[in-house]
Amino acid sequence: MACNCEERKKQRDHEGKEYKDLMTRLNRIEGQVQGIRRMVEEDRYCVDILTQVSAVQAALNAFNRELLTRHIKSCVVTDIQNGREEAVDELCQTVQKLMR
């Protein structure tokens, strides 16, 4: 899964194993969130719900790390090779947003 850097439409190539792996992660996270909803509806113990919320946050953080790594290795490298050095500034801004 690599960014379509040439067109700069901020779209991705939705092919291959990398894309499927990311979608699998998102589907798993979606299932976890639905589980949390059921726990709230069932009036489960707050600590158990908080534990599940923490697990979802960790899963989203792992997803972000994987996606950011792929972005750097594909889009950012390609942009720099093509002389688009402002990609580094965009990367720095993205990292700052993720660290909030």
N, C-alpha and C. Protein backbone atom coordinates (compact mmCIF):
# COMPACT_ATOMS: atom_id res chain seq x y z
N MET A 1 0.85 -1.17 0.00
CA MET A 1 0.00 0.00 0.00
C MET A 1 0.89 1.22 0.00
N ALA A 2 0.91 1.92 -1.07
CA ALA A 2 1.75 3.11 -1.18
C ALA A 2 0.89 4.29 -1.59
N CYS A 3 1.27 5.46 -1.13
CA CYS A 3 0.55 6.67 -1.52
C CYS A 3 0.71 6.89 -3.01
N ASN A 4 -0.26 7.48 -3.59
CA ASN A 4 -0.20 7.85 -4.99
C ASN A 4 0.44 9.24 -5.05
N CYS A 5 1.74 9.29 -4.84
CA CYS A 5 2.46 10.56 -4.68
C CYS A 5 2.46 11.40 -5.94
N GLU A 6 2.42 10.78 -7.08
CA GLU A 6 2.50 11.53 -8.33
C GLU A 6 1.31 12.46 -8.50
N GLU A 7 0.14 12.00 -8.15
CA GLU A 7 -1.06 12.81 -8.36
C GLU A 7 -1.31 13.77 -7.21
N ARG A 8 -0.75 13.50 -6.04
CA ARG A 8 -0.89 14.33 -4.84
C ARG A 8 -2.35 14.57 -4.48
N LYS A 9 -3.20 13.63 -4.81
CA LYS A 9 -4.60 13.72 -4.43
C LYS A 9 -4.81 13.10 -3.06
N LYS A 10 -3.72 12.73 -2.42
CA LYS A 10 -3.74 12.11 -1.11
C LYS A 10 -4.62 10.87 -1.11
N GLN A 11 -4.51 10.11 -2.19
CA GLN A 11 -5.20 8.83 -2.28
C GLN A 11 -4.16 7.73 -2.17
N ARG A 12 -4.63 6.54 -1.91
CA ARG A 12 -3.74 5.41 -1.75
C ARG A 12 -4.06 4.34 -2.78
N ASP A 13 -3.07 3.53 -3.03
CA ASP A 13 -3.24 2.36 -3.87
C ASP A 13 -3.83 1.26 -2.99
N HIS A 14 -5.04 0.84 -3.27
CA HIS A 14 -5.73 -0.12 -2.42
C HIS A 14 -5.53 -1.55 -2.92
N GLU A 15 -4.30 -1.92 -3.11
CA GLU A 15 -3.98 -3.25 -3.59
C GLU A 15 -3.04 -3.95 -2.62
N GLY A 16 -3.05 -5.23 -2.69
CA GLY A 16 -2.01 -6.01 -2.04
C GLY A 16 -2.23 -6.34 -0.58
N LYS A 17 -1.26 -7.08 -0.09
CA LYS A 17 -1.28 -7.59 1.28
C LYS A 17 -1.25 -6.48 2.32
N GLU A 18 -0.48 -5.42 2.08
CA GLU A 18 -0.39 -4.33 3.06
C GLU A 18 -1.76 -3.71 3.31
N TYR A 19 -2.50 -3.47 2.26
CA TYR A 19 -3.84 -2.91 2.39
C TYR A 19 -4.75 -3.86 3.16
N LYS A 20 -4.70 -5.13 2.81
CA LYS A 20 -5.54 -6.12 3.50
C LYS A 20 -5.18 -6.21 4.98
N ASP A 21 -3.88 -6.13 5.30
CA ASP A 21 -3.45 -6.17 6.70
C ASP A 21 -4.00 -4.98 7.48
N LEU A 22 -3.93 -3.80 6.89
CA LEU A 22 -4.47 -2.61 7.56
C LEU A 22 -5.98 -2.73 7.76
N MET A 23 -6.66 -3.21 6.75
CA MET A 23 -8.12 -3.37 6.86
C MET A 23 -8.48 -4.41 7.92
N THR A 24 -7.69 -5.47 8.02
CA THR A 24 -7.92 -6.47 9.05
C THR A 24 -7.78 -5.85 10.44
N ARG A 25 -6.75 -5.03 10.61
CA ARG A 25 -6.57 -4.34 11.89
C ARG A 25 -7.77 -3.45 12.21
N LEU A 26 -8.21 -2.68 11.22
CA LEU A 26 -9.35 -1.78 11.45
C LEU A 26 -10.63 -2.56 11.77
N ASN A 27 -10.83 -3.68 11.10
CA ASN A 27 -12.01 -4.49 11.39
C ASN A 27 -11.97 -5.03 12.81
N ARG A 28 -10.78 -5.42 13.26
CA ARG A 28 -10.62 -5.91 14.63
C ARG A 28 -10.92 -4.80 15.63
N ILE A 29 -10.41 -3.61 15.34
CA ILE A 29 -10.66 -2.46 16.23
C ILE A 29 -12.15 -2.13 16.26
N GLU A 30 -12.78 -2.17 15.10
CA GLU A 30 -14.21 -1.90 15.03
C GLU A 30 -14.98 -2.90 15.91
N GLY A 31 -14.59 -4.16 15.87
CA GLY A 31 -15.22 -5.17 16.70
C GLY A 31 -15.03 -4.89 18.18
N GLN A 32 -13.83 -4.42 18.54
CA GLN A 32 -13.57 -4.07 19.93
C GLN A 32 -14.47 -2.92 20.39
N VAL A 33 -14.64 -1.92 19.53
CA VAL A 33 -15.48 -0.77 19.88
C VAL A 33 -16.94 -1.22 20.03
N GLN A 34 -17.39 -2.09 19.16
CA GLN A 34 -18.75 -2.61 19.29
C GLN A 34 -18.90 -3.39 20.59
N GLY A 35 -17.85 -4.11 21.00
CA GLY A 35 -17.88 -4.82 22.27
C GLY A 35 -18.00 -3.87 23.44
N ILE A 36 -17.32 -2.74 23.35
CA ILE A 36 -17.42 -1.73 24.41
C ILE A 36 -18.85 -1.20 24.49
N ARG A 37 -19.45 -0.95 23.34
CA ARG A 37 -20.83 -0.46 23.31
C ARG A 37 -21.76 -1.46 24.02
N ARG A 38 -21.57 -2.75 23.72
CA ARG A 38 -22.40 -3.77 24.36
C ARG A 38 -22.18 -3.78 25.88
N MET A 39 -20.92 -3.61 26.28
CA MET A 39 -20.61 -3.59 27.71
C MET A 39 -21.34 -2.44 28.41
N VAL A 40 -21.35 -1.28 27.76
CA VAL A 40 -22.05 -0.11 28.33
C VAL A 40 -23.55 -0.39 28.38
N GLU A 41 -24.10 -0.92 27.30
CA GLU A 41 -25.53 -1.22 27.25
C GLU A 41 -25.92 -2.24 28.33
N GLU A 42 -25.01 -3.17 28.63
CA GLU A 42 -25.27 -4.20 29.63
C GLU A 42 -24.93 -3.73 31.04
N ASP A 43 -24.52 -2.47 31.15
CA ASP A 43 -24.18 -1.88 32.45
C ASP A 43 -23.10 -2.69 33.17
N ARG A 44 -22.06 -3.04 32.41
CA ARG A 44 -20.95 -3.81 32.98
C ARG A 44 -20.12 -2.95 33.90
N TYR A 45 -19.28 -3.58 34.66
CA TYR A 45 -18.43 -2.92 35.64
C TYR A 45 -17.50 -1.92 34.93
N CYS A 46 -17.44 -0.70 35.46
CA CYS A 46 -16.71 0.40 34.82
C CYS A 46 -15.24 0.06 34.56
N VAL A 47 -14.61 -0.59 35.49
CA VAL A 47 -13.19 -0.93 35.33
C VAL A 47 -12.99 -1.86 34.14
N ASP A 48 -13.92 -2.79 33.93
CA ASP A 48 -13.83 -3.69 32.78
C ASP A 48 -13.97 -2.91 31.47
N ILE A 49 -14.87 -1.94 31.45
CA ILE A 49 -15.06 -1.11 30.25
C ILE A 49 -13.81 -0.28 30.00
N LEU A 50 -13.29 0.33 31.05
CA LEU A 50 -12.08 1.14 30.90
C LEU A 50 -10.91 0.31 30.39
N THR A 51 -10.82 -0.92 30.83
CA THR A 51 -9.76 -1.81 30.36
C THR A 51 -9.90 -2.05 28.86
N GLN A 52 -11.12 -2.25 28.39
CA GLN A 52 -11.34 -2.46 26.96
C GLN A 52 -11.08 -1.20 26.15
N VAL A 53 -11.44 -0.04 26.69
CA VAL A 53 -11.16 1.22 26.01
C VAL A 53 -9.65 1.39 25.86
N SER A 54 -8.92 1.06 26.90
CA SER A 54 -7.46 1.14 26.85
C SER A 54 -6.90 0.22 25.76
N ALA A 55 -7.47 -0.95 25.62
CA ALA A 55 -7.03 -1.89 24.59
C ALA A 55 -7.28 -1.32 23.19
N VAL A 56 -8.42 -0.66 23.00
CA VAL A 56 -8.73 -0.04 21.70
C VAL A 56 -7.74 1.08 21.41
N GLN A 57 -7.44 1.89 22.41
CA GLN A 57 -6.48 2.97 22.21
C GLN A 57 -5.11 2.42 21.82
N ALA A 58 -4.70 1.34 22.45
CA ALA A 58 -3.42 0.72 22.11
C ALA A 58 -3.44 0.18 20.68
N ALA A 59 -4.56 -0.41 20.29
CA ALA A 59 -4.69 -0.93 18.93
C ALA A 59 -4.65 0.19 17.90
N LEU A 60 -5.31 1.31 18.19
CA LEU A 60 -5.27 2.46 17.28
C LEU A 60 -3.87 3.05 17.19
N ASN A 61 -3.18 3.10 18.31
CA ASN A 61 -1.80 3.59 18.30
C ASN A 61 -0.91 2.69 17.44
N ALA A 62 -1.09 1.39 17.55
CA ALA A 62 -0.31 0.45 16.74
C ALA A 62 -0.64 0.63 15.26
N PHE A 63 -1.91 0.84 14.95
CA PHE A 63 -2.32 1.09 13.56
C PHE A 63 -1.64 2.35 13.04
N ASN A 64 -1.66 3.43 13.84
CA ASN A 64 -1.01 4.68 13.44
C ASN A 64 0.47 4.48 13.18
N ARG A 65 1.15 3.76 14.06
CA ARG A 65 2.59 3.52 13.86
C ARG A 65 2.86 2.78 12.56
N GLU A 66 2.06 1.77 12.29
CA GLU A 66 2.24 0.99 11.06
C GLU A 66 1.98 1.85 9.82
N LEU A 67 0.90 2.61 9.84
CA LEU A 67 0.56 3.46 8.70
C LEU A 67 1.60 4.55 8.49
N LEU A 68 2.07 5.15 9.57
CA LEU A 68 3.10 6.18 9.47
C LEU A 68 4.39 5.61 8.91
N THR A 69 4.76 4.43 9.36
CA THR A 69 5.97 3.79 8.84
C THR A 69 5.86 3.56 7.34
N ARG A 70 4.72 3.05 6.91
CA ARG A 70 4.51 2.80 5.47
C ARG A 70 4.52 4.11 4.69
N HIS A 71 3.95 5.16 5.26
CA HIS A 71 3.92 6.46 4.60
C HIS A 71 5.34 7.00 4.41
N ILE A 72 6.14 6.90 5.46
CA ILE A 72 7.52 7.39 5.37
C ILE A 72 8.29 6.61 4.32
N LYS A 73 8.17 5.30 4.35
CA LYS A 73 8.94 4.44 3.43
C LYS A 73 8.50 4.57 1.98
N SER A 74 7.27 5.02 1.77
CA SER A 74 6.80 5.13 0.38
C SER A 74 6.67 6.59 -0.03
N CYS A 75 5.69 7.27 0.47
CA CYS A 75 5.38 8.64 0.03
C CYS A 75 6.51 9.62 0.29
N VAL A 76 6.99 9.65 1.52
CA VAL A 76 8.00 10.65 1.88
C VAL A 76 9.29 10.40 1.09
N VAL A 77 9.71 9.16 1.02
CA VAL A 77 10.94 8.84 0.26
C VAL A 77 10.77 9.22 -1.21
N THR A 78 9.63 8.86 -1.78
CA THR A 78 9.38 9.18 -3.19
C THR A 78 9.37 10.69 -3.42
N ASP A 79 8.69 11.41 -2.53
CA ASP A 79 8.63 12.86 -2.67
C ASP A 79 10.02 13.49 -2.60
N ILE A 80 10.83 13.06 -1.66
CA ILE A 80 12.18 13.61 -1.54
C ILE A 80 13.00 13.28 -2.78
N GLN A 81 12.89 12.06 -3.27
CA GLN A 81 13.61 11.67 -4.48
C GLN A 81 13.17 12.50 -5.68
N ASN A 82 11.92 12.94 -5.67
CA ASN A 82 11.40 13.77 -6.77
C ASN A 82 11.60 15.26 -6.52
N GLY A 83 12.35 15.60 -5.47
CA GLY A 83 12.67 16.99 -5.22
C GLY A 83 11.61 17.74 -4.42
N ARG A 84 10.63 17.06 -3.92
CA ARG A 84 9.57 17.70 -3.15
C ARG A 84 9.93 17.63 -1.66
N GLU A 85 10.85 18.49 -1.27
CA GLU A 85 11.36 18.44 0.10
C GLU A 85 10.37 18.96 1.13
N GLU A 86 9.32 19.63 0.71
CA GLU A 86 8.29 20.07 1.65
C GLU A 86 7.57 18.88 2.28
N ALA A 87 7.79 17.70 1.72
CA ALA A 87 7.22 16.48 2.31
C ALA A 87 7.75 16.27 3.72
N VAL A 88 8.97 16.73 3.98
CA VAL A 88 9.54 16.61 5.32
C VAL A 88 8.77 17.49 6.30
N ASP A 89 8.43 18.70 5.88
CA ASP A 89 7.63 19.58 6.73
C ASP A 89 6.26 18.97 7.02
N GLU A 90 5.65 18.41 5.99
CA GLU A 90 4.35 17.76 6.16
C GLU A 90 4.47 16.59 7.14
N LEU A 91 5.54 15.83 7.02
CA LEU A 91 5.77 14.71 7.94
C LEU A 91 5.92 15.20 9.38
N CYS A 92 6.69 16.25 9.56
CA CYS A 92 6.89 16.81 10.91
C CYS A 92 5.56 17.28 11.50
N GLN A 93 4.74 17.93 10.71
CA GLN A 93 3.42 18.37 11.18
C GLN A 93 2.55 17.18 11.56
N THR A 94 2.62 16.14 10.76
CA THR A 94 1.82 14.94 11.03
C THR A 94 2.26 14.30 12.34
N VAL A 95 3.56 14.17 12.55
CA VAL A 95 4.07 13.58 13.78
C VAL A 95 3.66 14.42 14.98
N GLN A 96 3.71 15.74 14.85
CA GLN A 96 3.28 16.61 15.95
C GLN A 96 1.82 16.39 16.30
N LYS A 97 0.96 16.24 15.28
CA LYS A 97 -0.45 15.98 15.52
C LYS A 97 -0.66 14.64 16.24
N LEU A 98 0.11 13.65 15.84
CA LEU A 98 -0.04 12.34 16.45
C LEU A 98 0.43 12.30 17.90
N MET A 99 1.30 13.22 18.26
CA MET A 99 1.87 13.22 19.60
C MET A 99 1.06 14.05 20.59
N ARG A 100 -0.04 14.62 20.17
CA ARG A 100 -0.87 15.43 21.08
C ARG A 100 -1.48 14.57 22.15
